[in-house]
Amino acid sequence: MDKKASQLLNLSYMATKKQLFTALWIIIAIIAVASIVSLVVLPKWKGIFLASGGGFLIANIFISMFFIQNNYRDNK
């Protein structure tokens, strides 16, 4: 079995730290844009509620990024 086939069959594949952080930054950007749009488009309290929910999600992602930075080991 060649290396590529064994890599495809390897179920324990984990993303590198850089790939994971790139995905998390993209998710943060999408949530931030959606929060700002909800503030502008929706009526006052609905927009504030959804924007604060987005801010809470972003804060949780930042906390998870902190723990990932400290504890995640890249397989090389």
C-alpha atoms as a PDB file:
ATOM      1  CA  MET A   1       0.000   0.000   0.000  1.00  0.00           C
ATOM      2  CA  ASP A   2       1.461   3.344  -0.986  1.00  0.00           C
ATOM      3  CA  LYS A   3       1.703   6.323   1.347  1.00  0.00           C
ATOM      4  CA  LYS A   4      -1.283   8.214  -0.084  1.00  0.00           C
ATOM      5  CA  ALA A   5      -3.628   5.237   0.245  1.00  0.00           C
ATOM      6  CA  SER A   6      -2.511   4.597   3.804  1.00  0.00           C
ATOM      7  CA  GLN A   7      -3.026   8.285   4.579  1.00  0.00           C
ATOM      8  CA  LEU A   8      -6.583   8.127   3.248  1.00  0.00           C
ATOM      9  CA  LEU A   9      -7.332   5.076   5.373  1.00  0.00           C
ATOM     10  CA  ASN A  10      -5.793   6.615   8.499  1.00  0.00           C
ATOM     11  CA  LEU A  11      -8.787   7.602  10.626  1.00  0.00           C
ATOM     12  CA  SER A  12      -6.681   9.232  13.318  1.00  0.00           C
ATOM     13  CA  TYR A  13      -5.750  12.161  11.062  1.00  0.00           C
ATOM     14  CA  MET A  14      -5.816  15.474  12.926  1.00  0.00           C
ATOM     15  CA  ALA A  15      -5.555  18.946  11.447  1.00  0.00           C
ATOM     16  CA  THR A  16      -2.435  20.950  12.133  1.00  0.00           C
ATOM     17  CA  LYS A  17      -2.598  23.853  14.542  1.00  0.00           C
ATOM     18  CA  LYS A  18      -2.336  26.339  11.661  1.00  0.00           C
ATOM     19  CA  GLN A  19      -5.289  24.767   9.809  1.00  0.00           C
ATOM     20  CA  LEU A  20      -7.364  24.763  12.968  1.00  0.00           C
ATOM     21  CA  PHE A  21      -6.614  28.405  13.765  1.00  0.00           C
ATOM     22  CA  THR A  22      -7.364  29.423  10.174  1.00  0.00           C
ATOM     23  CA  ALA A  23     -10.767  27.753  10.381  1.00  0.00           C
ATOM     24  CA  LEU A  24     -11.490  29.370  13.748  1.00  0.00           C
ATOM     25  CA  TRP A  25     -10.541  32.853  12.469  1.00  0.00           C
ATOM     26  CA  ILE A  26     -12.874  32.377   9.491  1.00  0.00           C
ATOM     27  CA  ILE A  27     -15.690  31.321  11.834  1.00  0.00           C
ATOM     28  CA  ILE A  28     -15.024  34.366  14.046  1.00  0.00           C
ATOM     29  CA  ALA A  29     -15.183  36.667  11.008  1.00  0.00           C
ATOM     30  CA  ILE A  30     -18.492  35.152   9.855  1.00  0.00           C
ATOM     31  CA  ILE A  31     -20.015  35.478  13.334  1.00  0.00           C
ATOM     32  CA  ALA A  32     -18.799  39.081  13.652  1.00  0.00           C
ATOM     33  CA  VAL A  33     -20.289  40.072  10.289  1.00  0.00           C
ATOM     34  CA  ALA A  34     -23.575  38.351  11.129  1.00  0.00           C
ATOM     35  CA  SER A  35     -23.693  40.124  14.505  1.00  0.00           C
ATOM     36  CA  ILE A  36     -23.135  43.538  12.947  1.00  0.00           C
ATOM     37  CA  VAL A  37     -25.738  42.861  10.266  1.00  0.00           C
ATOM     38  CA  SER A  38     -28.256  41.770  12.905  1.00  0.00           C
ATOM     39  CA  LEU A  39     -27.671  45.019  14.806  1.00  0.00           C
ATOM     40  CA  VAL A  40     -28.348  47.087  11.694  1.00  0.00           C
ATOM     41  CA  VAL A  41     -31.181  45.108  10.102  1.00  0.00           C
ATOM     42  CA  LEU A  42     -33.280  43.730  12.954  1.00  0.00           C
ATOM     43  CA  PRO A  43     -35.451  45.737  15.348  1.00  0.00           C
ATOM     44  CA  LYS A  44     -33.695  47.133  18.402  1.00  0.00           C
ATOM     45  CA  TRP A  45     -33.913  44.330  20.998  1.00  0.00           C
ATOM     46  CA  LYS A  46     -33.741  41.444  18.548  1.00  0.00           C
ATOM     47  CA  GLY A  47     -30.581  42.886  17.012  1.00  0.00           C
ATOM     48  CA  ILE A  48     -28.996  43.513  20.401  1.00  0.00           C
ATOM     49  CA  PHE A  49     -29.886  39.991  21.547  1.00  0.00           C
ATOM     50  CA  LEU A  50     -28.415  38.304  18.459  1.00  0.00           C
ATOM     51  CA  ALA A  51     -25.329  40.539  18.455  1.00  0.00           C
ATOM     52  CA  SER A  52     -24.653  39.797  22.124  1.00  0.00           C
ATOM     53  CA  GLY A  53     -25.061  36.088  21.377  1.00  0.00           C
ATOM     54  CA  GLY A  54     -22.497  36.446  18.598  1.00  0.00           C
ATOM     55  CA  GLY A  55     -20.144  38.272  20.951  1.00  0.00           C
ATOM     56  CA  PHE A  56     -20.539  35.459  23.479  1.00  0.00           C
ATOM     57  CA  LEU A  57     -19.687  32.870  20.804  1.00  0.00           C
ATOM     58  CA  ILE A  58     -16.620  34.860  19.738  1.00  0.00           C
ATOM     59  CA  ALA A  59     -15.449  35.095  23.359  1.00  0.00           C
ATOM     60  CA  ASN A  60     -15.828  31.328  23.743  1.00  0.00           C
ATOM     61  CA  ILE A  61     -13.866  30.700  20.539  1.00  0.00           C
ATOM     62  CA  PHE A  62     -11.066  32.968  21.816  1.00  0.00           C
ATOM     63  CA  ILE A  63     -10.965  31.008  25.075  1.00  0.00           C
ATOM     64  CA  SER A  64     -10.808  27.730  23.147  1.00  0.00           C
ATOM     65  CA  MET A  65      -8.027  29.152  20.952  1.00  0.00           C
ATOM     66  CA  PHE A  66      -6.043  29.949  24.099  1.00  0.00           C
ATOM     67  CA  PHE A  67      -6.325  26.352  25.312  1.00  0.00           C
ATOM     68  CA  ILE A  68      -5.600  24.945  21.847  1.00  0.00           C
ATOM     69  CA  GLN A  69      -2.461  27.095  21.638  1.00  0.00           C
ATOM     70  CA  ASN A  70      -1.211  25.707  24.951  1.00  0.00           C
ATOM     71  CA  ASN A  71      -2.223  22.056  24.652  1.00  0.00           C
ATOM     72  CA  TYR A  72      -2.462  21.035  20.981  1.00  0.00           C
ATOM     73  CA  ARG A  73       0.437  19.034  19.604  1.00  0.00           C
ATOM     74  CA  ASP A  74       1.015  18.755  15.873  1.00  0.00           C
ATOM     75  CA  ASN A  75       1.700  15.253  14.583  1.00  0.00           C
ATOM     76  CA  LYS A  76       4.800  15.396  12.432  1.00  0.00           C
END
